[in-house]
Amino acid sequence: MNTLAKAAEKDVESLLLRAGWNTSCPSVDTGVDVVAIKGSRVIRIQVKSCCRQQSDGSYRFDLRKKTSGGRRTPRDWSADVDFVFFVADRGLFWAARSCECMKSAVHLREGDQFSSLPQEIVA
């Protein structure tokens, strides 16, 4: 188990708990890392982590899935989760609706567009 990935999941859980959500992490990895519940609302979250900063100051997050043969292929996250959270090693985080994450990789840097919790999570 990747300890950085698990720590990133816990970082996201703490953000959600502070925003008034009840969270849990499924025991079986089916693509959903965190389930958050607030009243009758349920959101499914995938957490991507990165610890190595690129030479241009960005962080690269791989969004592909691994097939049974070990190859990596693009993934449509919108079928499985509502949001994808990106967590970098320095306490930086970004969140995006899953439908915005259709590439094979995302490069983010401090101050980029996904720099705060989406309004529908905060409200």
PDB file of N, CA and C in Angstrom:
ATOM      1  N   MET A   1       0.841  -1.182   0.000  1.00  0.00           N
ATOM      2  CA  MET A   1       0.000   0.000   0.000  1.00  0.00           C
ATOM      3  C   MET A   1       0.881   1.238   0.000  1.00  0.00           C
ATOM      4  N   ASN A   2       0.524   2.191  -0.808  1.00  0.00           N
ATOM      5  CA  ASN A   2       1.255   3.444  -0.926  1.00  0.00           C
ATOM      6  C   ASN A   2       0.881   4.357   0.244  1.00  0.00           C
ATOM      7  N   THR A   3       1.844   4.625   1.132  1.00  0.00           N
ATOM      8  CA  THR A   3       1.536   5.435   2.317  1.00  0.00           C
ATOM      9  C   THR A   3       1.244   6.885   1.962  1.00  0.00           C
ATOM     10  N   LEU A   4       1.880   7.408   0.909  1.00  0.00           N
ATOM     11  CA  LEU A   4       1.586   8.771   0.480  1.00  0.00           C
ATOM     12  C   LEU A   4       0.136   8.878   0.023  1.00  0.00           C
ATOM     13  N   ALA A   5      -0.321   7.892  -0.725  1.00  0.00           N
ATOM     14  CA  ALA A   5      -1.710   7.901  -1.204  1.00  0.00           C
ATOM     15  C   ALA A   5      -2.686   7.848  -0.033  1.00  0.00           C
ATOM     16  N   LYS A   6      -2.404   7.011   0.947  1.00  0.00           N
ATOM     17  CA  LYS A   6      -3.289   6.905   2.114  1.00  0.00           C
ATOM     18  C   LYS A   6      -3.279   8.206   2.915  1.00  0.00           C
ATOM     19  N   ALA A   7      -2.121   8.834   3.050  1.00  0.00           N
ATOM     20  CA  ALA A   7      -2.040  10.120   3.754  1.00  0.00           C
ATOM     21  C   ALA A   7      -2.839  11.183   3.011  1.00  0.00           C
ATOM     22  N   ALA A   8      -2.785  11.170   1.682  1.00  0.00           N
ATOM     23  CA  ALA A   8      -3.550  12.133   0.887  1.00  0.00           C
ATOM     24  C   ALA A   8      -5.046  11.924   1.092  1.00  0.00           C
ATOM     25  N   GLU A   9      -5.488  10.675   1.154  1.00  0.00           N
ATOM     26  CA  GLU A   9      -6.903  10.388   1.430  1.00  0.00           C
ATOM     27  C   GLU A   9      -7.315  10.968   2.776  1.00  0.00           C
ATOM     28  N   LYS A  10      -6.470  10.822   3.771  1.00  0.00           N
ATOM     29  CA  LYS A  10      -6.773  11.347   5.106  1.00  0.00           C
ATOM     30  C   LYS A  10      -6.802  12.875   5.097  1.00  0.00           C
ATOM     31  N   ASP A  11      -5.919  13.503   4.309  1.00  0.00           N
ATOM     32  CA  ASP A  11      -5.952  14.965   4.168  1.00  0.00           C
ATOM     33  C   ASP A  11      -7.293  15.424   3.600  1.00  0.00           C
ATOM     34  N   VAL A  12      -7.770  14.728   2.570  1.00  0.00           N
ATOM     35  CA  VAL A  12      -9.054  15.075   1.959  1.00  0.00           C
ATOM     36  C   VAL A  12     -10.191  14.837   2.948  1.00  0.00           C
ATOM     37  N   GLU A  13     -10.137  13.715   3.660  1.00  0.00           N
ATOM     38  CA  GLU A  13     -11.166  13.455   4.678  1.00  0.00           C
ATOM     39  C   GLU A  13     -11.218  14.578   5.702  1.00  0.00           C
ATOM     40  N   SER A  14     -10.059  15.076   6.154  1.00  0.00           N
ATOM     41  CA  SER A  14     -10.052  16.134   7.167  1.00  0.00           C
ATOM     42  C   SER A  14     -10.646  17.431   6.609  1.00  0.00           C
ATOM     43  N   LEU A  15     -10.385  17.746   5.336  1.00  0.00           N
ATOM     44  CA  LEU A  15     -11.007  18.916   4.716  1.00  0.00           C
ATOM     45  C   LEU A  15     -12.528  18.790   4.724  1.00  0.00           C
ATOM     46  N   LEU A  16     -13.007  17.616   4.377  1.00  0.00           N
ATOM     47  CA  LEU A  16     -14.448  17.379   4.324  1.00  0.00           C
ATOM     48  C   LEU A  16     -15.077  17.399   5.715  1.00  0.00           C
ATOM     49  N   LEU A  17     -14.394  16.814   6.685  1.00  0.00           N
ATOM     50  CA  LEU A  17     -14.910  16.822   8.059  1.00  0.00           C
ATOM     51  C   LEU A  17     -15.055  18.250   8.571  1.00  0.00           C
ATOM     52  N   ARG A  18     -14.068  19.098   8.268  1.00  0.00           N
ATOM     53  CA  ARG A  18     -14.145  20.506   8.687  1.00  0.00           C
ATOM     54  C   ARG A  18     -15.280  21.240   7.994  1.00  0.00           C
ATOM     55  N   ALA A  19     -15.677  20.759   6.808  1.00  0.00           N
ATOM     56  CA  ALA A  19     -16.788  21.375   6.070  1.00  0.00           C
ATOM     57  C   ALA A  19     -18.133  20.754   6.457  1.00  0.00           C
ATOM     58  N   GLY A  20     -18.130  19.876   7.484  1.00  0.00           N
ATOM     59  CA  GLY A  20     -19.384  19.325   7.999  1.00  0.00           C
ATOM     60  C   GLY A  20     -19.842  18.017   7.376  1.00  0.00           C
ATOM     61  N   TRP A  21     -18.980  17.361   6.613  1.00  0.00           N
ATOM     62  CA  TRP A  21     -19.327  16.083   5.988  1.00  0.00           C
ATOM     63  C   TRP A  21     -18.920  14.925   6.892  1.00  0.00           C
ATOM     64  N   ASN A  22     -19.640  13.822   6.821  1.00  0.00           N
ATOM     65  CA  ASN A  22     -19.255  12.573   7.463  1.00  0.00           C
ATOM     66  C   ASN A  22     -18.556  11.751   6.383  1.00  0.00           C
ATOM     67  N   THR A  23     -17.386  11.198   6.670  1.00  0.00           N
ATOM     68  CA  THR A  23     -16.615  10.508   5.638  1.00  0.00           C
ATOM     69  C   THR A  23     -16.320   9.063   6.004  1.00  0.00           C
ATOM     70  N   SER A  24     -16.079   8.275   4.972  1.00  0.00           N
ATOM     71  CA  SER A  24     -15.579   6.917   5.174  1.00  0.00           C
ATOM     72  C   SER A  24     -14.771   6.522   3.955  1.00  0.00           C
ATOM     73  N   CYS A  25     -13.869   5.570   4.167  1.00  0.00           N
ATOM     74  CA  CYS A  25     -13.043   5.034   3.083  1.00  0.00           C
ATOM     75  C   CYS A  25     -13.418   3.576   2.879  1.00  0.00           C
ATOM     76  N   PRO A  26     -13.861   3.205   1.678  1.00  0.00           N
ATOM     77  CA  PRO A  26     -14.207   1.807   1.413  1.00  0.00           C
ATOM     78  C   PRO A  26     -12.995   0.889   1.606  1.00  0.00           C
ATOM     79  N   SER A  27     -13.232  -0.304   2.099  1.00  0.00           N
ATOM     80  CA  SER A  27     -12.155  -1.267   2.322  1.00  0.00           C
ATOM     81  C   SER A  27     -11.637  -1.868   1.023  1.00  0.00           C
ATOM     82  N   VAL A  28     -12.502  -1.981   0.030  1.00  0.00           N
ATOM     83  CA  VAL A  28     -12.121  -2.557  -1.256  1.00  0.00           C
ATOM     84  C   VAL A  28     -11.939  -1.427  -2.262  1.00  0.00           C
ATOM     85  N   ASP A  29     -10.836  -1.462  -3.012  1.00  0.00           N
ATOM     86  CA  ASP A  29     -10.543  -0.410  -3.981  1.00  0.00           C
ATOM     87  C   ASP A  29     -11.321  -0.655  -5.269  1.00  0.00           C
ATOM     88  N   THR A  30     -12.395   0.119  -5.446  1.00  0.00           N
ATOM     89  CA  THR A  30     -13.195   0.029  -6.666  1.00  0.00           C
ATOM     90  C   THR A  30     -13.127   1.328  -7.452  1.00  0.00           C
ATOM     91  N   GLY A  31     -12.184   2.211  -7.096  1.00  0.00           N
ATOM     92  CA  GLY A  31     -12.063   3.496  -7.762  1.00  0.00           C
ATOM     93  C   GLY A  31     -12.567   4.648  -6.927  1.00  0.00           C
ATOM     94  N   VAL A  32     -13.309   4.349  -5.872  1.00  0.00           N
ATOM     95  CA  VAL A  32     -13.790   5.383  -4.950  1.00  0.00           C
ATOM     96  C   VAL A  32     -12.908   5.317  -3.708  1.00  0.00           C
ATOM     97  N   ASP A  33     -12.217   6.426  -3.403  1.00  0.00           N
ATOM     98  CA  ASP A  33     -11.330   6.452  -2.237  1.00  0.00           C
ATOM     99  C   ASP A  33     -12.025   6.948  -0.983  1.00  0.00           C
ATOM    100  N   VAL A  34     -12.931   7.919  -1.140  1.00  0.00           N
ATOM    101  CA  VAL A  34     -13.640   8.498   0.009  1.00  0.00           C
ATOM    102  C   VAL A  34     -15.108   8.670  -0.369  1.00  0.00           C
ATOM    103  N   VAL A  35     -15.980   8.303   0.552  1.00  0.00           N
ATOM    104  CA  VAL A  35     -17.410   8.570   0.407  1.00  0.00           C
ATOM    105  C   VAL A  35     -17.752   9.595   1.484  1.00  0.00           C
ATOM    106  N   ALA A  36     -18.405  10.680   1.078  1.00  0.00           N
ATOM    107  CA  ALA A  36     -18.773  11.738   2.027  1.00  0.00           C
ATOM    108  C   ALA A  36     -20.284  11.914   2.017  1.00  0.00           C
ATOM    109  N   ILE A  37     -20.837  12.061   3.217  1.00  0.00           N
ATOM    110  CA  ILE A  37     -22.291  12.183   3.378  1.00  0.00           C
ATOM    111  C   ILE A  37     -22.586  13.420   4.214  1.00  0.00           C
ATOM    112  N   LYS A  38     -23.548  14.215   3.739  1.00  0.00           N
ATOM    113  CA  LYS A  38     -24.007  15.389   4.487  1.00  0.00           C
ATOM    114  C   LYS A  38     -25.509  15.486   4.259  1.00  0.00           C
ATOM    115  N   GLY A  39     -26.284  15.209   5.303  1.00  0.00           N
ATOM    116  CA  GLY A  39     -27.738  15.164   5.150  1.00  0.00           C
ATOM    117  C   GLY A  39     -28.103  14.043   4.193  1.00  0.00           C
ATOM    118  N   SER A  40     -28.807  14.359   3.129  1.00  0.00           N
ATOM    119  CA  SER A  40     -29.176  13.341   2.140  1.00  0.00           C
ATOM    120  C   SER A  40     -28.234  13.342   0.934  1.00  0.00           C
ATOM    121  N   ARG A  41     -27.195  14.166   0.987  1.00  0.00           N
ATOM    122  CA  ARG A  41     -26.241  14.239  -0.122  1.00  0.00           C
ATOM    123  C   ARG A  41     -25.093  13.264   0.076  1.00  0.00           C
ATOM    124  N   VAL A  42     -24.736  12.570  -0.992  1.00  0.00           N
ATOM    125  CA  VAL A  42     -23.614  11.630  -0.978  1.00  0.00           C
ATOM    126  C   VAL A  42     -22.707  11.981  -2.153  1.00  0.00           C
ATOM    127  N   ILE A  43     -21.414  12.106  -1.876  1.00  0.00           N
ATOM    128  CA  ILE A  43     -20.468  12.322  -2.967  1.00  0.00           C
ATOM    129  C   ILE A  43     -19.374  11.261  -2.908  1.00  0.00           C
ATOM    130  N   ARG A  44     -18.934  10.849  -4.083  1.00  0.00           N
ATOM    131  CA  ARG A  44     -17.867   9.851  -4.224  1.00  0.00           C
ATOM    132  C   ARG A  44     -16.623  10.565  -4.726  1.00  0.00           C
ATOM    133  N   ILE A  45     -15.496  10.276  -4.093  1.00  0.00           N
ATOM    134  CA  ILE A  45     -14.264  11.014  -4.371  1.00  0.00           C
ATOM    135  C   ILE A  45     -13.116  10.071  -4.681  1.00  0.00           C
ATOM    136  N   GLN A  46     -12.348  10.402  -5.694  1.00  0.00           N
ATOM    137  CA  GLN A  46     -11.086   9.750  -6.017  1.00  0.00           C
ATOM    138  C   GLN A  46      -9.989  10.719  -5.613  1.00  0.00           C
ATOM    139  N   VAL A  47      -8.952  10.221  -4.939  1.00  0.00           N
ATOM    140  CA  VAL A  47      -7.840  11.056  -4.500  1.00  0.00           C
ATOM    141  C   VAL A  47      -6.587  10.643  -5.268  1.00  0.00           C
ATOM    142  N   LYS A  48      -5.931  11.613  -5.883  1.00  0.00           N
ATOM    143  CA  LYS A  48      -4.677  11.378  -6.580  1.00  0.00           C
ATOM    144  C   LYS A  48      -3.596  12.154  -5.837  1.00  0.00           C
ATOM    145  N   SER A  49      -2.452  11.526  -5.615  1.00  0.00           N
ATOM    146  CA  SER A  49      -1.381  12.174  -4.864  1.00  0.00           C
ATOM    147  C   SER A  49      -0.106  12.247  -5.697  1.00  0.00           C
ATOM    148  N   CYS A  50       0.750  13.193  -5.312  1.00  0.00           N
ATOM    149  CA  CYS A  50       2.018  13.394  -6.003  1.00  0.00           C
ATOM    150  C   CYS A  50       3.014  13.976  -5.005  1.00  0.00           C
ATOM    151  N   CYS A  51       4.218  13.458  -4.990  1.00  0.00           N
ATOM    152  CA  CYS A  51       5.198  13.989  -4.042  1.00  0.00           C
ATOM    153  C   CYS A  51       6.390  14.640  -4.721  1.00  0.00           C
ATOM    154  N   ARG A  52       6.498  14.491  -6.028  1.00  0.00           N
ATOM    155  CA  ARG A  52       7.663  15.019  -6.728  1.00  0.00           C
ATOM    156  C   ARG A  52       7.278  16.200  -7.608  1.00  0.00           C
ATOM    157  N   GLN A  53       7.850  17.346  -7.320  1.00  0.00           N
ATOM    158  CA  GLN A  53       7.591  18.540  -8.114  1.00  0.00           C
ATOM    159  C   GLN A  53       8.397  18.457  -9.414  1.00  0.00           C
ATOM    160  N   GLN A  54       7.769  18.818 -10.524  1.00  0.00           N
ATOM    161  CA  GLN A  54       8.437  18.821 -11.826  1.00  0.00           C
ATOM    162  C   GLN A  54       9.383  20.016 -11.923  1.00  0.00           C
ATOM    163  N   SER A  55      10.272  19.996 -12.892  1.00  0.00           N
ATOM    164  CA  SER A  55      11.250  21.074 -13.044  1.00  0.00           C
ATOM    165  C   SER A  55      10.598  22.434 -13.332  1.00  0.00           C
ATOM    166  N   ASP A  56       9.371  22.417 -13.885  1.00  0.00           N
ATOM    167  CA  ASP A  56       8.675  23.687 -14.162  1.00  0.00           C
ATOM    168  C   ASP A  56       7.829  24.166 -12.978  1.00  0.00           C
ATOM    169  N   GLY A  57       7.942  23.486 -11.832  1.00  0.00           N
ATOM    170  CA  GLY A  57       7.205  23.893 -10.637  1.00  0.00           C
ATOM    171  C   GLY A  57       5.830  23.264 -10.505  1.00  0.00           C
ATOM    172  N   SER A  58       5.432  22.449 -11.471  1.00  0.00           N
ATOM    173  CA  SER A  58       4.110  21.811 -11.416  1.00  0.00           C
ATOM    174  C   SER A  58       4.207  20.430 -10.771  1.00  0.00           C
ATOM    175  N   TYR A  59       3.053  19.876 -10.482  1.00  0.00           N
ATOM    176  CA  TYR A  59       2.941  18.505  -9.987  1.00  0.00           C
ATOM    177  C   TYR A  59       2.165  17.721 -11.028  1.00  0.00           C
ATOM    178  N   ARG A  60       2.649  16.519 -11.372  1.00  0.00           N
ATOM    179  CA  ARG A  60       2.013  15.701 -12.399  1.00  0.00           C
ATOM    180  C   ARG A  60       1.217  14.587 -11.729  1.00  0.00           C
ATOM    181  N   PHE A  61      -0.069  14.499 -12.082  1.00  0.00           N
ATOM    182  CA  PHE A  61      -0.950  13.473 -11.542  1.00  0.00           C
ATOM    183  C   PHE A  61      -1.393  12.554 -12.681  1.00  0.00           C
ATOM    184  N   ASP A  62      -1.158  11.270 -12.531  1.00  0.00           N
ATOM    185  CA  ASP A  62      -1.525  10.282 -13.546  1.00  0.00           C
ATOM    186  C   ASP A  62      -2.988   9.898 -13.356  1.00  0.00           C
ATOM    187  N   LEU A  63      -3.794  10.044 -14.392  1.00  0.00           N
ATOM    188  CA  LEU A  63      -5.227   9.760 -14.302  1.00  0.00           C
ATOM    189  C   LEU A  63      -5.620   8.464 -14.996  1.00  0.00           C
ATOM    190  N   ARG A  64      -4.643   7.737 -15.513  1.00  0.00           N
ATOM    191  CA  ARG A  64      -4.960   6.507 -16.228  1.00  0.00           C
ATOM    192  C   ARG A  64      -5.211   5.366 -15.254  1.00  0.00           C
ATOM    193  N   LYS A  65      -5.861   4.322 -15.751  1.00  0.00           N
ATOM    194  CA  LYS A  65      -6.051   3.132 -14.933  1.00  0.00           C
ATOM    195  C   LYS A  65      -5.179   2.016 -15.464  1.00  0.00           C
ATOM    196  N   LYS A  66      -4.797   1.121 -14.580  1.00  0.00           N
ATOM    197  CA  LYS A  66      -3.956   0.000 -14.955  1.00  0.00           C
ATOM    198  C   LYS A  66      -4.853  -1.175 -15.343  1.00  0.00           C
ATOM    199  N   THR A  67      -4.597  -1.751 -16.513  1.00  0.00           N
ATOM    200  CA  THR A  67      -5.377  -2.913 -16.957  1.00  0.00           C
ATOM    201  C   THR A  67      -4.780  -4.180 -16.363  1.00  0.00           C
ATOM    202  N   SER A  68      -5.467  -5.295 -16.538  1.00  0.00           N
ATOM    203  CA  SER A  68      -4.980  -6.562 -15.991  1.00  0.00           C
ATOM    204  C   SER A  68      -3.634  -6.955 -16.592  1.00  0.00           C
ATOM    205  N   GLY A  69      -3.342  -6.493 -17.811  1.00  0.00           N
ATOM    206  CA  GLY A  69      -2.055  -6.778 -18.443  1.00  0.00           C
ATOM    207  C   GLY A  69      -0.946  -5.838 -18.023  1.00  0.00           C
ATOM    208  N   GLY A  70      -1.246  -4.876 -17.147  1.00  0.00           N
ATOM    209  CA  GLY A  70      -0.242  -3.938 -16.663  1.00  0.00           C
ATOM    210  C   GLY A  70      -0.134  -2.661 -17.471  1.00  0.00           C
ATOM    211  N   ARG A  71      -0.862  -2.567 -18.583  1.00  0.00           N
ATOM    212  CA  ARG A  71      -0.853  -1.341 -19.382  1.00  0.00           C
ATOM    213  C   ARG A  71      -1.694  -0.275 -18.697  1.00  0.00           C
ATOM    214  N   ARG A  72      -1.440   0.969 -19.025  1.00  0.00           N
ATOM    215  CA  ARG A  72      -2.239   2.081 -18.489  1.00  0.00           C
ATOM    216  C   ARG A  72      -3.064   2.668 -19.618  1.00  0.00           C
ATOM    217  N   THR A  73      -4.361   2.851 -19.363  1.00  0.00           N
ATOM    218  CA  THR A  73      -5.264   3.394 -20.368  1.00  0.00           C
ATOM    219  C   THR A  73      -6.045   4.567 -19.777  1.00  0.00           C
ATOM    220  N   PRO A  74      -6.497   5.502 -20.630  1.00  0.00           N
ATOM    221  CA  PRO A  74      -7.305   6.624 -20.125  1.00  0.00           C
ATOM    222  C   PRO A  74      -8.556   6.123 -19.411  1.00  0.00           C
ATOM    223  N   ARG A  75      -9.031   6.897 -18.469  1.00  0.00           N
ATOM    224  CA  ARG A  75     -10.192   6.492 -17.680  1.00  0.00           C
ATOM    225  C   ARG A  75     -11.216   7.609 -17.634  1.00  0.00           C
ATOM    226  N   ASP A  76     -12.474   7.239 -17.771  1.00  0.00           N
ATOM    227  CA  ASP A  76     -13.571   8.197 -17.625  1.00  0.00           C
ATOM    228  C   ASP A  76     -13.995   8.174 -16.164  1.00  0.00           C
ATOM    229  N   TRP A  77     -13.488   9.121 -15.382  1.00  0.00           N
ATOM    230  CA  TRP A  77     -13.775   9.150 -13.953  1.00  0.00           C
ATOM    231  C   TRP A  77     -15.233   9.465 -13.652  1.00  0.00           C
ATOM    232  N   SER A  78     -15.936  10.147 -14.572  1.00  0.00           N
ATOM    233  CA  SER A  78     -17.304  10.583 -14.287  1.00  0.00           C
ATOM    234  C   SER A  78     -18.262   9.413 -14.079  1.00  0.00           C
ATOM    235  N   ALA A  79     -17.919   8.230 -14.547  1.00  0.00           N
ATOM    236  CA  ALA A  79     -18.771   7.065 -14.344  1.00  0.00           C
ATOM    237  C   ALA A  79     -18.679   6.535 -12.911  1.00  0.00           C
ATOM    238  N   ASP A  80     -17.553   6.785 -12.245  1.00  0.00           N
ATOM    239  CA  ASP A  80     -17.311   6.193 -10.928  1.00  0.00           C
ATOM    240  C   ASP A  80     -17.385   7.172  -9.760  1.00  0.00           C
ATOM    241  N   VAL A  81     -16.920   8.407  -9.978  1.00  0.00           N
ATOM    242  CA  VAL A  81     -16.825   9.363  -8.872  1.00  0.00           C
ATOM    243  C   VAL A  81     -17.389  10.719  -9.281  1.00  0.00           C
ATOM    244  N   ASP A  82     -17.711  11.518  -8.267  1.00  0.00           N
ATOM    245  CA  ASP A  82     -18.237  12.864  -8.496  1.00  0.00           C
ATOM    246  C   ASP A  82     -17.123  13.905  -8.560  1.00  0.00           C
ATOM    247  N   PHE A  83     -16.077  13.714  -7.751  1.00  0.00           N
ATOM    248  CA  PHE A  83     -14.962  14.652  -7.691  1.00  0.00           C
ATOM    249  C   PHE A  83     -13.642  13.897  -7.675  1.00  0.00           C
ATOM    250  N   VAL A  84     -12.604  14.542  -8.216  1.00  0.00           N
ATOM    251  CA  VAL A  84     -11.239  14.049  -8.103  1.00  0.00           C
ATOM    252  C   VAL A  84     -10.462  15.108  -7.338  1.00  0.00           C
ATOM    253  N   PHE A  85      -9.834  14.700  -6.248  1.00  0.00           N
ATOM    254  CA  PHE A  85      -9.004  15.602  -5.460  1.00  0.00           C
ATOM    255  C   PHE A  85      -7.547  15.272  -5.751  1.00  0.00           C
ATOM    256  N   PHE A  86      -6.743  16.314  -5.937  1.00  0.00           N
ATOM    257  CA  PHE A  86      -5.318  16.178  -6.195  1.00  0.00           C
ATOM    258  C   PHE A  86      -4.586  16.739  -4.989  1.00  0.00           C
ATOM    259  N   VAL A  87      -3.670  15.954  -4.409  1.00  0.00           N
ATOM    260  CA  VAL A  87      -2.956  16.378  -3.204  1.00  0.00           C
ATOM    261  C   VAL A  87      -1.462  16.282  -3.479  1.00  0.00           C
ATOM    262  N   ALA A  88      -0.742  17.402  -3.279  1.00  0.00           N
ATOM    263  CA  ALA A  88       0.706  17.434  -3.436  1.00  0.00           C
ATOM    264  C   ALA A  88       1.359  17.397  -2.063  1.00  0.00           C
ATOM    265  N   ASP A  89       2.615  17.073  -2.039  1.00  0.00           N
ATOM    266  CA  ASP A  89       3.328  16.832  -0.784  1.00  0.00           C
ATOM    267  C   ASP A  89       3.432  18.026   0.146  1.00  0.00           C
ATOM    268  N   ARG A  90       3.310  19.241  -0.357  1.00  0.00           N
ATOM    269  CA  ARG A  90       3.493  20.416   0.500  1.00  0.00           C
ATOM    270  C   ARG A  90       2.178  20.925   1.078  1.00  0.00           C
ATOM    271  N   GLY A  91       1.161  20.092   1.170  1.00  0.00           N
ATOM    272  CA  GLY A  91      -0.116  20.537   1.699  1.00  0.00           C
ATOM    273  C   GLY A  91      -0.959  21.257   0.676  1.00  0.00           C
ATOM    274  N   LEU A  92      -0.569  21.196  -0.589  1.00  0.00           N
ATOM    275  CA  LEU A  92      -1.367  21.800  -1.652  1.00  0.00           C
ATOM    276  C   LEU A  92      -2.456  20.827  -2.074  1.00  0.00           C
ATOM    277  N   PHE A  93      -3.628  21.341  -2.358  1.00  0.00           N
ATOM    278  CA  PHE A  93      -4.665  20.468  -2.879  1.00  0.00           C
ATOM    279  C   PHE A  93      -5.514  21.212  -3.898  1.00  0.00           C
ATOM    280  N   TRP A  94      -6.079  20.439  -4.799  1.00  0.00           N
ATOM    281  CA  TRP A  94      -6.989  20.947  -5.817  1.00  0.00           C
ATOM    282  C   TRP A  94      -8.144  19.976  -5.900  1.00  0.00           C
ATOM    283  N   ALA A  95      -9.312  20.447  -6.290  1.00  0.00           N
ATOM    284  CA  ALA A  95     -10.470  19.572  -6.481  1.00  0.00           C
ATOM    285  C   ALA A  95     -11.132  19.929  -7.803  1.00  0.00           C
ATOM    286  N   ALA A  96     -11.616  18.907  -8.490  1.00  0.00           N
ATOM    287  CA  ALA A  96     -12.293  19.128  -9.763  1.00  0.00           C
ATOM    288  C   ALA A  96     -13.447  18.154  -9.888  1.00  0.00           C
ATOM    289  N   ARG A  97     -14.477  18.565 -10.610  1.00  0.00           N
ATOM    290  CA  ARG A  97     -15.552  17.618 -10.929  1.00  0.00           C
ATOM    291  C   ARG A  97     -14.932  16.543 -11.811  1.00  0.00           C
ATOM    292  N   SER A  98     -15.367  15.321 -11.645  1.00  0.00           N
ATOM    293  CA  SER A  98     -14.759  14.202 -12.366  1.00  0.00           C
ATOM    294  C   SER A  98     -14.846  14.365 -13.875  1.00  0.00           C
ATOM    295  N   CYS A  99     -15.895  15.027 -14.370  1.00  0.00           N
ATOM    296  CA  CYS A  99     -16.041  15.201 -15.818  1.00  0.00           C
ATOM    297  C   CYS A  99     -14.967  16.114 -16.402  1.00  0.00           C
ATOM    298  N   GLU A 100     -14.244  16.861 -15.538  1.00  0.00           N
ATOM    299  CA  GLU A 100     -13.164  17.735 -15.999  1.00  0.00           C
ATOM    300  C   GLU A 100     -11.835  16.990 -16.095  1.00  0.00           C
ATOM    301  N   CYS A 101     -11.820  15.720 -15.715  1.00  0.00           N
ATOM    302  CA  CYS A 101     -10.577  14.951 -15.620  1.00  0.00           C
ATOM    303  C   CYS A 101     -10.545  13.836 -16.659  1.00  0.00           C
ATOM    304  N   MET A 102     -10.591  14.198 -17.917  1.00  0.00           N
ATOM    305  CA  MET A 102     -10.666  13.211 -18.987  1.00  0.00           C
ATOM    306  C   MET A 102      -9.321  12.977 -19.671  1.00  0.00           C
ATOM    307  N   LYS A 103      -8.263  13.607 -19.212  1.00  0.00           N
ATOM    308  CA  LYS A 103      -6.948  13.450 -19.819  1.00  0.00           C
ATOM    309  C   LYS A 103      -6.243  12.240 -19.212  1.00  0.00           C
ATOM    310  N   SER A 104      -5.046  11.950 -19.695  1.00  0.00           N
ATOM    311  CA  SER A 104      -4.279  10.864 -19.095  1.00  0.00           C
ATOM    312  C   SER A 104      -3.411  11.376 -17.952  1.00  0.00           C
ATOM    313  N   ALA A 105      -3.160  12.696 -17.923  1.00  0.00           N
ATOM    314  CA  ALA A 105      -2.378  13.290 -16.832  1.00  0.00           C
ATOM    315  C   ALA A 105      -2.771  14.756 -16.675  1.00  0.00           C
ATOM    316  N   VAL A 106      -2.610  15.250 -15.460  1.00  0.00           N
ATOM    317  CA  VAL A 106      -2.891  16.656 -15.165  1.00  0.00           C
ATOM    318  C   VAL A 106      -1.653  17.241 -14.495  1.00  0.00           C
ATOM    319  N   HIS A 107      -1.244  18.423 -14.934  1.00  0.00           N
ATOM    320  CA  HIS A 107      -0.144  19.151 -14.305  1.00  0.00           C
ATOM    321  C   HIS A 107      -0.751  20.356 -13.595  1.00  0.00           C
ATOM    322  N   LEU A 108      -0.528  20.453 -12.292  1.00  0.00           N
ATOM    323  CA  LEU A 108      -1.076  21.562 -11.511  1.00  0.00           C
ATOM    324  C   LEU A 108       0.043  22.238 -10.736  1.00  0.00           C
ATOM    325  N   ARG A 109      -0.132  23.528 -10.494  1.00  0.00           N
ATOM    326  CA  ARG A 109       0.829  24.265  -9.672  1.00  0.00           C
ATOM    327  C   ARG A 109       0.057  25.170  -8.720  1.00  0.00           C
ATOM    328  N   GLU A 110       0.742  25.638  -7.703  1.00  0.00           N
ATOM    329  CA  GLU A 110       0.110  26.502  -6.712  1.00  0.00           C
ATOM    330  C   GLU A 110      -0.551  27.684  -7.407  1.00  0.00           C
ATOM    331  N   GLY A 111      -1.813  27.957  -7.060  1.00  0.00           N
ATOM    332  CA  GLY A 111      -2.550  29.051  -7.669  1.00  0.00           C
ATOM    333  C   GLY A 111      -3.361  28.654  -8.883  1.00  0.00           C
ATOM    334  N   ASP A 112      -3.316  27.393  -9.297  1.00  0.00           N
ATOM    335  CA  ASP A 112      -4.098  26.948 -10.446  1.00  0.00           C
ATOM    336  C   ASP A 112      -5.587  26.929 -10.149  1.00  0.00           C
ATOM    337  N   GLN A 113      -6.374  26.733 -11.172  1.00  0.00           N
ATOM    338  CA  GLN A 113      -7.833  26.870 -11.102  1.00  0.00           C
ATOM    339  C   GLN A 113      -8.528  25.963 -10.090  1.00  0.00           C
ATOM    340  N   PHE A 114      -7.995  24.810  -9.776  1.00  0.00           N
ATOM    341  CA  PHE A 114      -8.665  23.899  -8.848  1.00  0.00           C
ATOM    342  C   PHE A 114      -8.142  24.102  -7.429  1.00  0.00           C
ATOM    343  N   SER A 115      -7.976  25.368  -6.998  1.00  0.00           N
ATOM    344  CA  SER A 115      -7.248  25.616  -5.759  1.00  0.00           C
ATOM    345  C   SER A 115      -8.082  25.647  -4.492  1.00  0.00           C
ATOM    346  N   SER A 116      -9.380  25.412  -4.562  1.00  0.00           N
ATOM    347  CA  SER A 116     -10.174  25.415  -3.333  1.00  0.00           C
ATOM    348  C   SER A 116     -11.316  24.405  -3.446  1.00  0.00           C
ATOM    349  N   LEU A 117     -11.977  24.183  -2.339  1.00  0.00           N
ATOM    350  CA  LEU A 117     -13.102  23.253  -2.362  1.00  0.00           C
ATOM    351  C   LEU A 117     -14.221  23.785  -3.260  1.00  0.00           C
ATOM    352  N   PRO A 118     -14.782  22.936  -4.108  1.00  0.00           N
ATOM    353  CA  PRO A 118     -15.914  23.384  -4.943  1.00  0.00           C
ATOM    354  C   PRO A 118     -17.066  23.877  -4.067  1.00  0.00           C
ATOM    355  N   GLN A 119     -17.777  24.875  -4.538  1.00  0.00           N
ATOM    356  CA  GLN A 119     -18.847  25.503  -3.762  1.00  0.00           C
ATOM    357  C   GLN A 119     -19.895  24.496  -3.309  1.00  0.00           C
ATOM    358  N   GLU A 120     -20.208  23.496  -4.127  1.00  0.00           N
ATOM    359  CA  GLU A 120     -21.236  22.528  -3.728  1.00  0.00           C
ATOM    360  C   GLU A 120     -20.797  21.612  -2.595  1.00  0.00           C
ATOM    361  N   ILE A 121     -19.490  21.578  -2.311  1.00  0.00           N
ATOM    362  CA  ILE A 121     -19.001  20.818  -1.164  1.00  0.00           C
ATOM    363  C   ILE A 121     -19.024  21.704   0.085  1.00  0.00           C
ATOM    364  N   VAL A 122     -18.648  22.961  -0.056  1.00  0.00           N
ATOM    365  CA  VAL A 122     -18.602  23.882   1.077  1.00  0.00           C
ATOM    366  C   VAL A 122     -20.015  24.168   1.600  1.00  0.00           C
ATOM    367  N   ALA A 123     -20.966  24.331   0.678  1.00  0.00           N
ATOM    368  CA  ALA A 123     -22.346  24.710   1.069  1.00  0.00           C
ATOM    369  C   ALA A 123     -23.047  23.606   1.833  1.00  0.00           C
TER     370      ALA A 123
END
